[in-house]
Amino acid sequence: MTNLLFWLYIVELTLLILHEMDSTYWKEWDLFHLPGGRTGFLLMHLPLWPLAIYGAVQVWNGTSAGMIYALVVAAAGLIGFGLHTYFLRSGHPEFDAPVSKGILWAMLLVSLTIFLVALT
């Protein structure tokens, strides 16, 4: 199970990174009214990626911290999908491109799979 959870974690991280790359195109900082514009948005992510990589090590080692990291990353995927689905249904044009929607749907599916694997 640890090996499968690790690879699901890596896939979800990849999708989250792709989503954040897409977020710069859509200027997500404006959608969420975040201060600092593009610079603030980039700086906000600076501490997240080293933590995510550390989490991958913990998942690989099968530690209890790794399980928590996997669940947090899965929750991030669910939250991202939910928020952007809400905004799309509210008439916001951001993330309406097929590739953006594809990333969001993939995040949802992988997140649900992580929860299924982690909690069984």
PDB file of N, CA and C in Angstrom:
ATOM      1  N   MET A   1       0.815  -1.191   0.000  1.00  0.00           N
ATOM      2  CA  MET A   1       0.000   0.000   0.000  1.00  0.00           C
ATOM      3  C   MET A   1       0.861   1.258   0.000  1.00  0.00           C
ATOM      4  N   THR A   2       1.979   1.247   0.708  1.00  0.00           N
ATOM      5  CA  THR A   2       2.842   2.423   0.774  1.00  0.00           C
ATOM      6  C   THR A   2       3.330   2.827  -0.606  1.00  0.00           C
ATOM      7  N   ASN A   3       3.711   1.853  -1.423  1.00  0.00           N
ATOM      8  CA  ASN A   3       4.200   2.153  -2.765  1.00  0.00           C
ATOM      9  C   ASN A   3       3.104   2.813  -3.609  1.00  0.00           C
ATOM     10  N   LEU A   4       1.899   2.277  -3.568  1.00  0.00           N
ATOM     11  CA  LEU A   4       0.783   2.851  -4.316  1.00  0.00           C
ATOM     12  C   LEU A   4       0.462   4.258  -3.812  1.00  0.00           C
ATOM     13  N   LEU A   5       0.415   4.430  -2.505  1.00  0.00           N
ATOM     14  CA  LEU A   5       0.120   5.738  -1.921  1.00  0.00           C
ATOM     15  C   LEU A   5       1.178   6.761  -2.328  1.00  0.00           C
ATOM     16  N   PHE A   6       2.440   6.346  -2.353  1.00  0.00           N
ATOM     17  CA  PHE A   6       3.512   7.241  -2.777  1.00  0.00           C
ATOM     18  C   PHE A   6       3.272   7.733  -4.201  1.00  0.00           C
ATOM     19  N   TRP A   7       2.970   6.817  -5.116  1.00  0.00           N
ATOM     20  CA  TRP A   7       2.794   7.225  -6.516  1.00  0.00           C
ATOM     21  C   TRP A   7       1.530   8.056  -6.708  1.00  0.00           C
ATOM     22  N   LEU A   8       0.494   7.765  -5.967  1.00  0.00           N
ATOM     23  CA  LEU A   8      -0.698   8.617  -6.009  1.00  0.00           C
ATOM     24  C   LEU A   8      -0.377  10.014  -5.490  1.00  0.00           C
ATOM     25  N   TYR A   9       0.428  10.080  -4.438  1.00  0.00           N
ATOM     26  CA  TYR A   9       0.870  11.367  -3.877  1.00  0.00           C
ATOM     27  C   TYR A   9       1.642  12.155  -4.933  1.00  0.00           C
ATOM     28  N   ILE A  10       2.557  11.495  -5.630  1.00  0.00           N
ATOM     29  CA  ILE A  10       3.346  12.163  -6.672  1.00  0.00           C
ATOM     30  C   ILE A  10       2.447  12.650  -7.801  1.00  0.00           C
ATOM     31  N   VAL A  11       1.495  11.837  -8.203  1.00  0.00           N
ATOM     32  CA  VAL A  11       0.567  12.249  -9.264  1.00  0.00           C
ATOM     33  C   VAL A  11      -0.250  13.454  -8.809  1.00  0.00           C
ATOM     34  N   GLU A  12      -0.754  13.416  -7.581  1.00  0.00           N
ATOM     35  CA  GLU A  12      -1.549  14.544  -7.078  1.00  0.00           C
ATOM     36  C   GLU A  12      -0.705  15.806  -6.964  1.00  0.00           C
ATOM     37  N   LEU A  13       0.524  15.678  -6.497  1.00  0.00           N
ATOM     38  CA  LEU A  13       1.414  16.851  -6.452  1.00  0.00           C
ATOM     39  C   LEU A  13       1.645  17.415  -7.845  1.00  0.00           C
ATOM     40  N   THR A  14       1.833  16.550  -8.808  1.00  0.00           N
ATOM     41  CA  THR A  14       2.034  16.992 -10.192  1.00  0.00           C
ATOM     42  C   THR A  14       0.814  17.749 -10.684  1.00  0.00           C
ATOM     43  N   LEU A  15      -0.366  17.221 -10.397  1.00  0.00           N
ATOM     44  CA  LEU A  15      -1.596  17.905 -10.801  1.00  0.00           C
ATOM     45  C   LEU A  15      -1.749  19.241 -10.091  1.00  0.00           C
ATOM     46  N   LEU A  16      -1.418  19.291  -8.811  1.00  0.00           N
ATOM     47  CA  LEU A  16      -1.493  20.555  -8.076  1.00  0.00           C
ATOM     48  C   LEU A  16      -0.512  21.578  -8.635  1.00  0.00           C
ATOM     49  N   ILE A  17       0.686  21.126  -8.987  1.00  0.00           N
ATOM     50  CA  ILE A  17       1.666  22.039  -9.598  1.00  0.00           C
ATOM     51  C   ILE A  17       1.152  22.534 -10.942  1.00  0.00           C
ATOM     52  N   LEU A  18       0.617  21.634 -11.761  1.00  0.00           N
ATOM     53  CA  LEU A  18       0.041  22.054 -13.044  1.00  0.00           C
ATOM     54  C   LEU A  18      -1.085  23.056 -12.831  1.00  0.00           C
ATOM     55  N   HIS A  19      -1.918  22.787 -11.835  1.00  0.00           N
ATOM     56  CA  HIS A  19      -3.008  23.715 -11.546  1.00  0.00           C
ATOM     57  C   HIS A  19      -2.464  25.086 -11.150  1.00  0.00           C
ATOM     58  N   GLU A  20      -1.443  25.114 -10.332  1.00  0.00           N
ATOM     59  CA  GLU A  20      -0.870  26.399  -9.914  1.00  0.00           C
ATOM     60  C   GLU A  20      -0.199  27.117 -11.085  1.00  0.00           C
ATOM     61  N   MET A  21       0.380  26.364 -11.999  1.00  0.00           N
ATOM     62  CA  MET A  21       0.917  26.981 -13.215  1.00  0.00           C
ATOM     63  C   MET A  21      -0.225  27.602 -14.018  1.00  0.00           C
ATOM     64  N   ASP A  22      -1.320  26.871 -14.147  1.00  0.00           N
ATOM     65  CA  ASP A  22      -2.502  27.365 -14.834  1.00  0.00           C
ATOM     66  C   ASP A  22      -3.067  28.583 -14.097  1.00  0.00           C
ATOM     67  N   SER A  23      -2.955  28.578 -12.783  1.00  0.00           N
ATOM     68  CA  SER A  23      -3.466  29.675 -11.965  1.00  0.00           C
ATOM     69  C   SER A  23      -2.780  30.998 -12.274  1.00  0.00           C
ATOM     70  N   THR A  24      -1.517  30.943 -12.654  1.00  0.00           N
ATOM     71  CA  THR A  24      -0.848  32.199 -13.000  1.00  0.00           C
ATOM     72  C   THR A  24      -1.415  32.771 -14.294  1.00  0.00           C
ATOM     73  N   TYR A  25      -1.805  31.902 -15.220  1.00  0.00           N
ATOM     74  CA  TYR A  25      -2.439  32.383 -16.452  1.00  0.00           C
ATOM     75  C   TYR A  25      -3.766  33.065 -16.135  1.00  0.00           C
ATOM     76  N   TRP A  26      -4.541  32.453 -15.246  1.00  0.00           N
ATOM     77  CA  TRP A  26      -5.872  32.971 -14.915  1.00  0.00           C
ATOM     78  C   TRP A  26      -5.830  34.060 -13.850  1.00  0.00           C
ATOM     79  N   LYS A  27      -4.644  34.387 -13.353  1.00  0.00           N
ATOM     80  CA  LYS A  27      -4.477  35.411 -12.309  1.00  0.00           C
ATOM     81  C   LYS A  27      -5.358  35.098 -11.086  1.00  0.00           C
ATOM     82  N   GLU A  28      -5.103  33.926 -10.538  1.00  0.00           N
ATOM     83  CA  GLU A  28      -5.913  33.438  -9.422  1.00  0.00           C
ATOM     84  C   GLU A  28      -5.904  34.389  -8.231  1.00  0.00           C
ATOM     85  N   TRP A  29      -4.854  35.157  -8.076  1.00  0.00           N
ATOM     86  CA  TRP A  29      -4.779  36.106  -6.967  1.00  0.00           C
ATOM     87  C   TRP A  29      -5.917  37.126  -7.059  1.00  0.00           C
ATOM     88  N   ASP A  30      -6.350  37.461  -8.269  1.00  0.00           N
ATOM     89  CA  ASP A  30      -7.499  38.363  -8.421  1.00  0.00           C
ATOM     90  C   ASP A  30      -8.799  37.652  -8.078  1.00  0.00           C
ATOM     91  N   LEU A  31      -8.929  36.408  -8.478  1.00  0.00           N
ATOM     92  CA  LEU A  31     -10.142  35.632  -8.205  1.00  0.00           C
ATOM     93  C   LEU A  31     -10.388  35.509  -6.701  1.00  0.00           C
ATOM     94  N   PHE A  32      -9.312  35.286  -5.938  1.00  0.00           N
ATOM     95  CA  PHE A  32      -9.423  35.111  -4.493  1.00  0.00           C
ATOM     96  C   PHE A  32      -9.121  36.387  -3.707  1.00  0.00           C
ATOM     97  N   HIS A  33      -8.894  37.486  -4.421  1.00  0.00           N
ATOM     98  CA  HIS A  33      -8.590  38.777  -3.786  1.00  0.00           C
ATOM     99  C   HIS A  33      -7.391  38.673  -2.841  1.00  0.00           C
ATOM    100  N   LEU A  34      -6.336  38.012  -3.315  1.00  0.00           N
ATOM    101  CA  LEU A  34      -5.128  37.851  -2.507  1.00  0.00           C
ATOM    102  C   LEU A  34      -4.249  39.080  -2.648  1.00  0.00           C
ATOM    103  N   PRO A  35      -3.641  39.518  -1.566  1.00  0.00           N
ATOM    104  CA  PRO A  35      -2.774  40.698  -1.645  1.00  0.00           C
ATOM    105  C   PRO A  35      -1.437  40.356  -2.312  1.00  0.00           C
ATOM    106  N   GLY A  36      -0.825  41.355  -2.876  1.00  0.00           N
ATOM    107  CA  GLY A  36       0.533  41.182  -3.408  1.00  0.00           C
ATOM    108  C   GLY A  36       0.612  40.836  -4.875  1.00  0.00           C
ATOM    109  N   GLY A  37      -0.522  40.612  -5.521  1.00  0.00           N
ATOM    110  CA  GLY A  37      -0.500  40.309  -6.954  1.00  0.00           C
ATOM    111  C   GLY A  37       0.297  39.058  -7.262  1.00  0.00           C
ATOM    112  N   ARG A  38       0.935  39.061  -8.424  1.00  0.00           N
ATOM    113  CA  ARG A  38       1.711  37.900  -8.871  1.00  0.00           C
ATOM    114  C   ARG A  38       2.852  37.584  -7.909  1.00  0.00           C
ATOM    115  N   THR A  39       3.539  38.626  -7.430  1.00  0.00           N
ATOM    116  CA  THR A  39       4.670  38.401  -6.518  1.00  0.00           C
ATOM    117  C   THR A  39       4.205  37.729  -5.234  1.00  0.00           C
ATOM    118  N   GLY A  40       3.129  38.239  -4.645  1.00  0.00           N
ATOM    119  CA  GLY A  40       2.603  37.635  -3.423  1.00  0.00           C
ATOM    120  C   GLY A  40       2.153  36.204  -3.644  1.00  0.00           C
ATOM    121  N   PHE A  41       1.541  35.964  -4.796  1.00  0.00           N
ATOM    122  CA  PHE A  41       1.077  34.616  -5.134  1.00  0.00           C
ATOM    123  C   PHE A  41       2.252  33.648  -5.222  1.00  0.00           C
ATOM    124  N   LEU A  42       3.311  34.063  -5.895  1.00  0.00           N
ATOM    125  CA  LEU A  42       4.492  33.211  -6.015  1.00  0.00           C
ATOM    126  C   LEU A  42       5.159  32.987  -4.664  1.00  0.00           C
ATOM    127  N   LEU A  43       5.300  34.049  -3.886  1.00  0.00           N
ATOM    128  CA  LEU A  43       5.947  33.919  -2.575  1.00  0.00           C
ATOM    129  C   LEU A  43       5.137  33.047  -1.621  1.00  0.00           C
ATOM    130  N   MET A  44       3.811  33.094  -1.768  1.00  0.00           N
ATOM    131  CA  MET A  44       2.946  32.257  -0.935  1.00  0.00           C
ATOM    132  C   MET A  44       3.238  30.770  -1.163  1.00  0.00           C
ATOM    133  N   HIS A  45       3.602  30.418  -2.393  1.00  0.00           N
ATOM    134  CA  HIS A  45       3.860  29.018  -2.724  1.00  0.00           C
ATOM    135  C   HIS A  45       5.267  28.550  -2.359  1.00  0.00           C
ATOM    136  N   LEU A  46       6.150  29.490  -2.124  1.00  0.00           N
ATOM    137  CA  LEU A  46       7.552  29.135  -1.851  1.00  0.00           C
ATOM    138  C   LEU A  46       7.709  28.109  -0.728  1.00  0.00           C
ATOM    139  N   PRO A  47       7.063  28.258   0.430  1.00  0.00           N
ATOM    140  CA  PRO A  47       7.254  27.249   1.484  1.00  0.00           C
ATOM    141  C   PRO A  47       6.463  25.958   1.250  1.00  0.00           C
ATOM    142  N   LEU A  48       5.487  25.995   0.349  1.00  0.00           N
ATOM    143  CA  LEU A  48       4.639  24.815   0.169  1.00  0.00           C
ATOM    144  C   LEU A  48       5.355  23.665  -0.525  1.00  0.00           C
ATOM    145  N   TRP A  49       6.132  23.954  -1.542  1.00  0.00           N
ATOM    146  CA  TRP A  49       6.737  22.874  -2.325  1.00  0.00           C
ATOM    147  C   TRP A  49       7.811  22.109  -1.564  1.00  0.00           C
ATOM    148  N   PRO A  50       8.693  22.768  -0.784  1.00  0.00           N
ATOM    149  CA  PRO A  50       9.614  21.950   0.032  1.00  0.00           C
ATOM    150  C   PRO A  50       8.868  21.057   1.031  1.00  0.00           C
ATOM    151  N   LEU A  51       7.774  21.566   1.605  1.00  0.00           N
ATOM    152  CA  LEU A  51       6.967  20.747   2.508  1.00  0.00           C
ATOM    153  C   LEU A  51       6.352  19.563   1.774  1.00  0.00           C
ATOM    154  N   ALA A  52       5.890  19.804   0.569  1.00  0.00           N
ATOM    155  CA  ALA A  52       5.284  18.725  -0.224  1.00  0.00           C
ATOM    156  C   ALA A  52       6.317  17.658  -0.569  1.00  0.00           C
ATOM    157  N   ILE A  53       7.524  18.079  -0.883  1.00  0.00           N
ATOM    158  CA  ILE A  53       8.594  17.118  -1.198  1.00  0.00           C
ATOM    159  C   ILE A  53       8.987  16.339   0.057  1.00  0.00           C
ATOM    160  N   TYR A  54       9.076  17.024   1.181  1.00  0.00           N
ATOM    161  CA  TYR A  54       9.348  16.335   2.440  1.00  0.00           C
ATOM    162  C   TYR A  54       8.239  15.313   2.721  1.00  0.00           C
ATOM    163  N   GLY A  55       7.005  15.696   2.421  1.00  0.00           N
ATOM    164  CA  GLY A  55       5.884  14.777   2.589  1.00  0.00           C
ATOM    165  C   GLY A  55       6.033  13.532   1.736  1.00  0.00           C
ATOM    166  N   ALA A  56       6.543  13.712   0.512  1.00  0.00           N
ATOM    167  CA  ALA A  56       6.759  12.554  -0.365  1.00  0.00           C
ATOM    168  C   ALA A  56       7.740  11.572   0.271  1.00  0.00           C
ATOM    169  N   VAL A  57       8.770  12.094   0.902  1.00  0.00           N
ATOM    170  CA  VAL A  57       9.744  11.228   1.590  1.00  0.00           C
ATOM    171  C   VAL A  57       9.052  10.471   2.716  1.00  0.00           C
ATOM    172  N   GLN A  58       8.195  11.176   3.452  1.00  0.00           N
ATOM    173  CA  GLN A  58       7.490  10.536   4.560  1.00  0.00           C
ATOM    174  C   GLN A  58       6.518   9.463   4.064  1.00  0.00           C
ATOM    175  N   VAL A  59       5.835   9.745   2.958  1.00  0.00           N
ATOM    176  CA  VAL A  59       4.929   8.740   2.385  1.00  0.00           C
ATOM    177  C   VAL A  59       5.740   7.532   1.935  1.00  0.00           C
ATOM    178  N   TRP A  60       6.851   7.769   1.260  1.00  0.00           N
ATOM    179  CA  TRP A  60       7.717   6.682   0.790  1.00  0.00           C
ATOM    180  C   TRP A  60       8.178   5.804   1.954  1.00  0.00           C
ATOM    181  N   ASN A  61       8.518   6.448   3.084  1.00  0.00           N
ATOM    182  CA  ASN A  61       8.997   5.703   4.255  1.00  0.00           C
ATOM    183  C   ASN A  61       7.869   5.052   5.053  1.00  0.00           C
ATOM    184  N   GLY A  62       6.621   5.345   4.680  1.00  0.00           N
ATOM    185  CA  GLY A  62       5.487   4.717   5.350  1.00  0.00           C
ATOM    186  C   GLY A  62       5.253   5.187   6.771  1.00  0.00           C
ATOM    187  N   THR A  63       5.656   6.414   7.082  1.00  0.00           N
ATOM    188  CA  THR A  63       5.486   6.934   8.439  1.00  0.00           C
ATOM    189  C   THR A  63       4.055   7.431   8.646  1.00  0.00           C
ATOM    190  N   SER A  64       3.693   7.628   9.893  1.00  0.00           N
ATOM    191  CA  SER A  64       2.371   8.197  10.180  1.00  0.00           C
ATOM    192  C   SER A  64       2.288   9.631   9.659  1.00  0.00           C
ATOM    193  N   ALA A  65       3.407  10.348   9.699  1.00  0.00           N
ATOM    194  CA  ALA A  65       3.436  11.699   9.123  1.00  0.00           C
ATOM    195  C   ALA A  65       3.170  11.629   7.621  1.00  0.00           C
ATOM    196  N   GLY A  66       3.677  10.603   6.966  1.00  0.00           N
ATOM    197  CA  GLY A  66       3.428  10.425   5.540  1.00  0.00           C
ATOM    198  C   GLY A  66       1.959  10.242   5.245  1.00  0.00           C
ATOM    199  N   MET A  67       1.267   9.509   6.112  1.00  0.00           N
ATOM    200  CA  MET A  67      -0.177   9.329   5.934  1.00  0.00           C
ATOM    201  C   MET A  67      -0.890  10.668   6.061  1.00  0.00           C
ATOM    202  N   ILE A  68      -0.471  11.471   7.020  1.00  0.00           N
ATOM    203  CA  ILE A  68      -1.077  12.798   7.195  1.00  0.00           C
ATOM    204  C   ILE A  68      -0.812  13.667   5.967  1.00  0.00           C
ATOM    205  N   TYR A  69       0.427  13.655   5.483  1.00  0.00           N
ATOM    206  CA  TYR A  69       0.754  14.423   4.276  1.00  0.00           C
ATOM    207  C   TYR A  69      -0.109  13.977   3.099  1.00  0.00           C
ATOM    208  N   ALA A  70      -0.271  12.679   2.933  1.00  0.00           N
ATOM    209  CA  ALA A  70      -1.084  12.164   1.821  1.00  0.00           C
ATOM    210  C   ALA A  70      -2.527  12.648   1.936  1.00  0.00           C
ATOM    211  N   LEU A  71      -3.071  12.627   3.137  1.00  0.00           N
ATOM    212  CA  LEU A  71      -4.442  13.079   3.339  1.00  0.00           C
ATOM    213  C   LEU A  71      -4.578  14.592   3.128  1.00  0.00           C
ATOM    214  N   VAL A  72      -3.566  15.346   3.534  1.00  0.00           N
ATOM    215  CA  VAL A  72      -3.588  16.803   3.331  1.00  0.00           C
ATOM    216  C   VAL A  72      -3.530  17.138   1.839  1.00  0.00           C
ATOM    217  N   VAL A  73      -2.674  16.447   1.107  1.00  0.00           N
ATOM    218  CA  VAL A  73      -2.567  16.690  -0.338  1.00  0.00           C
ATOM    219  C   VAL A  73      -3.862  16.291  -1.033  1.00  0.00           C
ATOM    220  N   ALA A  74      -4.453  15.182  -0.608  1.00  0.00           N
ATOM    221  CA  ALA A  74      -5.735  14.773  -1.177  1.00  0.00           C
ATOM    222  C   ALA A  74      -6.813  15.810  -0.864  1.00  0.00           C
ATOM    223  N   ALA A  75      -6.815  16.328   0.343  1.00  0.00           N
ATOM    224  CA  ALA A  75      -7.780  17.368   0.716  1.00  0.00           C
ATOM    225  C   ALA A  75      -7.563  18.629  -0.113  1.00  0.00           C
ATOM    226  N   ALA A  76      -6.312  18.978  -0.374  1.00  0.00           N
ATOM    227  CA  ALA A  76      -6.018  20.148  -1.209  1.00  0.00           C
ATOM    228  C   ALA A  76      -6.604  19.976  -2.609  1.00  0.00           C
ATOM    229  N   GLY A  77      -6.512  18.772  -3.152  1.00  0.00           N
ATOM    230  CA  GLY A  77      -7.095  18.498  -4.459  1.00  0.00           C
ATOM    231  C   GLY A  77      -8.607  18.622  -4.446  1.00  0.00           C
ATOM    232  N   LEU A  78      -9.236  18.101  -3.390  1.00  0.00           N
ATOM    233  CA  LEU A  78     -10.697  18.207  -3.264  1.00  0.00           C
ATOM    234  C   LEU A  78     -11.138  19.657  -3.107  1.00  0.00           C
ATOM    235  N   ILE A  79     -10.426  20.384  -2.280  1.00  0.00           N
ATOM    236  CA  ILE A  79     -10.769  21.796  -2.046  1.00  0.00           C
ATOM    237  C   ILE A  79     -10.588  22.598  -3.336  1.00  0.00           C
ATOM    238  N   GLY A  80      -9.477  22.363  -4.033  1.00  0.00           N
ATOM    239  CA  GLY A  80      -9.250  23.055  -5.300  1.00  0.00           C
ATOM    240  C   GLY A  80     -10.353  22.774  -6.297  1.00  0.00           C
ATOM    241  N   PHE A  81     -10.721  21.510  -6.434  1.00  0.00           N
ATOM    242  CA  PHE A  81     -11.805  21.145  -7.340  1.00  0.00           C
ATOM    243  C   PHE A  81     -13.103  21.832  -6.921  1.00  0.00           C
ATOM    244  N   GLY A  82     -13.423  21.763  -5.642  1.00  0.00           N
ATOM    245  CA  GLY A  82     -14.674  22.332  -5.146  1.00  0.00           C
ATOM    246  C   GLY A  82     -14.768  23.835  -5.328  1.00  0.00           C
ATOM    247  N   LEU A  83     -13.704  24.535  -4.968  1.00  0.00           N
ATOM    248  CA  LEU A  83     -13.712  25.995  -5.100  1.00  0.00           C
ATOM    249  C   LEU A  83     -13.858  26.434  -6.548  1.00  0.00           C
ATOM    250  N   HIS A  84     -13.079  25.816  -7.420  1.00  0.00           N
ATOM    251  CA  HIS A  84     -13.115  26.242  -8.817  1.00  0.00           C
ATOM    252  C   HIS A  84     -14.413  25.819  -9.506  1.00  0.00           C
ATOM    253  N   THR A  85     -14.993  24.710  -9.094  1.00  0.00           N
ATOM    254  CA  THR A  85     -16.295  24.322  -9.619  1.00  0.00           C
ATOM    255  C   THR A  85     -17.349  25.344  -9.186  1.00  0.00           C
ATOM    256  N   TYR A  86     -17.264  25.772  -7.936  1.00  0.00           N
ATOM    257  CA  TYR A  86     -18.178  26.805  -7.446  1.00  0.00           C
ATOM    258  C   TYR A  86     -18.034  28.086  -8.274  1.00  0.00           C
ATOM    259  N   PHE A  87     -16.790  28.528  -8.477  1.00  0.00           N
ATOM    260  CA  PHE A  87     -16.575  29.756  -9.242  1.00  0.00           C
ATOM    261  C   PHE A  87     -17.057  29.622 -10.685  1.00  0.00           C
ATOM    262  N   LEU A  88     -16.793  28.477 -11.299  1.00  0.00           N
ATOM    263  CA  LEU A  88     -17.263  28.263 -12.673  1.00  0.00           C
ATOM    264  C   LEU A  88     -18.789  28.321 -12.744  1.00  0.00           C
ATOM    265  N   ARG A  89     -19.437  27.689 -11.799  1.00  0.00           N
ATOM    266  CA  ARG A  89     -20.907  27.682 -11.790  1.00  0.00           C
ATOM    267  C   ARG A  89     -21.492  29.040 -11.415  1.00  0.00           C
ATOM    268  N   SER A  90     -20.654  29.892 -10.800  1.00  0.00           N
ATOM    269  CA  SER A  90     -21.093  31.245 -10.450  1.00  0.00           C
ATOM    270  C   SER A  90     -20.862  32.228 -11.594  1.00  0.00           C
ATOM    271  N   GLY A  91     -20.364  31.726 -12.716  1.00  0.00           N
ATOM    272  CA  GLY A  91     -20.190  32.584 -13.885  1.00  0.00           C
ATOM    273  C   GLY A  91     -18.804  33.159 -14.081  1.00  0.00           C
ATOM    274  N   HIS A  92     -17.845  32.789 -13.253  1.00  0.00           N
ATOM    275  CA  HIS A  92     -16.473  33.257 -13.441  1.00  0.00           C
ATOM    276  C   HIS A  92     -15.852  32.511 -14.621  1.00  0.00           C
ATOM    277  N   PRO A  93     -15.193  33.229 -15.520  1.00  0.00           N
ATOM    278  CA  PRO A  93     -14.618  32.566 -16.702  1.00  0.00           C
ATOM    279  C   PRO A  93     -13.275  31.870 -16.435  1.00  0.00           C
ATOM    280  N   GLU A  94     -12.681  32.151 -15.289  1.00  0.00           N
ATOM    281  CA  GLU A  94     -11.382  31.554 -14.993  1.00  0.00           C
ATOM    282  C   GLU A  94     -11.503  30.034 -14.909  1.00  0.00           C
ATOM    283  N   PHE A  95     -10.526  29.360 -15.453  1.00  0.00           N
ATOM    284  CA  PHE A  95     -10.418  27.899 -15.420  1.00  0.00           C
ATOM    285  C   PHE A  95     -11.513  27.215 -16.244  1.00  0.00           C
ATOM    286  N   ASP A  96     -12.038  27.919 -17.245  1.00  0.00           N
ATOM    287  CA  ASP A  96     -13.087  27.358 -18.084  1.00  0.00           C
ATOM    288  C   ASP A  96     -12.529  26.641 -19.313  1.00  0.00           C
ATOM    289  N   ALA A  97     -11.222  26.701 -19.515  1.00  0.00           N
ATOM    290  CA  ALA A  97     -10.602  26.022 -20.659  1.00  0.00           C
ATOM    291  C   ALA A  97     -10.630  24.506 -20.429  1.00  0.00           C
ATOM    292  N   PRO A  98     -10.733  23.726 -21.501  1.00  0.00           N
ATOM    293  CA  PRO A  98     -10.763  22.263 -21.348  1.00  0.00           C
ATOM    294  C   PRO A  98      -9.575  21.709 -20.559  1.00  0.00           C
ATOM    295  N   VAL A  99      -8.388  22.235 -20.794  1.00  0.00           N
ATOM    296  CA  VAL A  99      -7.220  21.715 -20.064  1.00  0.00           C
ATOM    297  C   VAL A  99      -7.323  22.051 -18.579  1.00  0.00           C
ATOM    298  N   SER A 100      -7.833  23.234 -18.251  1.00  0.00           N
ATOM    299  CA  SER A 100      -8.007  23.618 -16.845  1.00  0.00           C
ATOM    300  C   SER A 100      -9.014  22.703 -16.161  1.00  0.00           C
ATOM    301  N   LYS A 101     -10.123  22.457 -16.835  1.00  0.00           N
ATOM    302  CA  LYS A 101     -11.138  21.556 -16.279  1.00  0.00           C
ATOM    303  C   LYS A 101     -10.606  20.132 -16.162  1.00  0.00           C
ATOM    304  N   GLY A 102      -9.812  19.717 -17.132  1.00  0.00           N
ATOM    305  CA  GLY A 102      -9.220  18.379 -17.077  1.00  0.00           C
ATOM    306  C   GLY A 102      -8.319  18.202 -15.871  1.00  0.00           C
ATOM    307  N   ILE A 103      -7.518  19.219 -15.584  1.00  0.00           N
ATOM    308  CA  ILE A 103      -6.634  19.169 -14.412  1.00  0.00           C
ATOM    309  C   ILE A 103      -7.479  19.093 -13.142  1.00  0.00           C
ATOM    310  N   LEU A 104      -8.516  19.906 -13.061  1.00  0.00           N
ATOM    311  CA  LEU A 104      -9.376  19.907 -11.873  1.00  0.00           C
ATOM    312  C   LEU A 104     -10.058  18.563 -11.664  1.00  0.00           C
ATOM    313  N   TRP A 105     -10.597  17.990 -12.738  1.00  0.00           N
ATOM    314  CA  TRP A 105     -11.249  16.676 -12.624  1.00  0.00           C
ATOM    315  C   TRP A 105     -10.251  15.585 -12.246  1.00  0.00           C
ATOM    316  N   ALA A 106      -9.053  15.657 -12.802  1.00  0.00           N
ATOM    317  CA  ALA A 106      -8.016  14.675 -12.452  1.00  0.00           C
ATOM    318  C   ALA A 106      -7.639  14.815 -10.977  1.00  0.00           C
ATOM    319  N   MET A 107      -7.557  16.070 -10.488  1.00  0.00           N
ATOM    320  CA  MET A 107      -7.280  16.283  -9.067  1.00  0.00           C
ATOM    321  C   MET A 107      -8.352  15.625  -8.204  1.00  0.00           C
ATOM    322  N   LEU A 108      -9.603  15.772  -8.604  1.00  0.00           N
ATOM    323  CA  LEU A 108     -10.699  15.156  -7.850  1.00  0.00           C
ATOM    324  C   LEU A 108     -10.556  13.638  -7.815  1.00  0.00           C
ATOM    325  N   LEU A 109     -10.340  13.035  -8.967  1.00  0.00           N
ATOM    326  CA  LEU A 109     -10.249  11.571  -9.040  1.00  0.00           C
ATOM    327  C   LEU A 109      -9.066  11.025  -8.246  1.00  0.00           C
ATOM    328  N   VAL A 110      -7.917  11.667  -8.377  1.00  0.00           N
ATOM    329  CA  VAL A 110      -6.741  11.185  -7.640  1.00  0.00           C
ATOM    330  C   VAL A 110      -6.922  11.412  -6.146  1.00  0.00           C
ATOM    331  N   SER A 111      -7.508  12.542  -5.764  1.00  0.00           N
ATOM    332  CA  SER A 111      -7.770  12.798  -4.341  1.00  0.00           C
ATOM    333  C   SER A 111      -8.662  11.717  -3.742  1.00  0.00           C
ATOM    334  N   LEU A 112      -9.736  11.402  -4.425  1.00  0.00           N
ATOM    335  CA  LEU A 112     -10.640  10.360  -3.931  1.00  0.00           C
ATOM    336  C   LEU A 112      -9.938   9.009  -3.842  1.00  0.00           C
ATOM    337  N   THR A 113      -9.073   8.736  -4.807  1.00  0.00           N
ATOM    338  CA  THR A 113      -8.322   7.478  -4.786  1.00  0.00           C
ATOM    339  C   THR A 113      -7.359   7.445  -3.609  1.00  0.00           C
ATOM    340  N   ILE A 114      -6.701   8.567  -3.329  1.00  0.00           N
ATOM    341  CA  ILE A 114      -5.799   8.635  -2.173  1.00  0.00           C
ATOM    342  C   ILE A 114      -6.579   8.340  -0.900  1.00  0.00           C
ATOM    343  N   PHE A 115      -7.731   8.976  -0.733  1.00  0.00           N
ATOM    344  CA  PHE A 115      -8.536   8.717   0.465  1.00  0.00           C
ATOM    345  C   PHE A 115      -8.934   7.246   0.550  1.00  0.00           C
ATOM    346  N   LEU A 116      -9.319   6.666  -0.561  1.00  0.00           N
ATOM    347  CA  LEU A 116      -9.718   5.263  -0.584  1.00  0.00           C
ATOM    348  C   LEU A 116      -8.562   4.359  -0.169  1.00  0.00           C
ATOM    349  N   VAL A 117      -7.380   4.602  -0.736  1.00  0.00           N
ATOM    350  CA  VAL A 117      -6.203   3.771  -0.426  1.00  0.00           C
ATOM    351  C   VAL A 117      -5.743   4.006   1.008  1.00  0.00           C
ATOM    352  N   ALA A 118      -5.713   5.260   1.424  1.00  0.00           N
ATOM    353  CA  ALA A 118      -5.187   5.592   2.758  1.00  0.00           C
ATOM    354  C   ALA A 118      -6.086   5.100   3.888  1.00  0.00           C
ATOM    355  N   LEU A 119      -7.371   5.104   3.640  1.00  0.00           N
ATOM    356  CA  LEU A 119      -8.307   4.790   4.714  1.00  0.00           C
ATOM    357  C   LEU A 119      -8.804   3.348   4.699  1.00  0.00           C
ATOM    358  N   THR A 120      -8.213   2.518   3.823  1.00  0.00           N
ATOM    359  CA  THR A 120      -8.603   1.096   3.814  1.00  0.00           C
ATOM    360  C   THR A 120      -7.482   0.224   4.318  1.00  0.00           C
TER     361      THR A 120
END
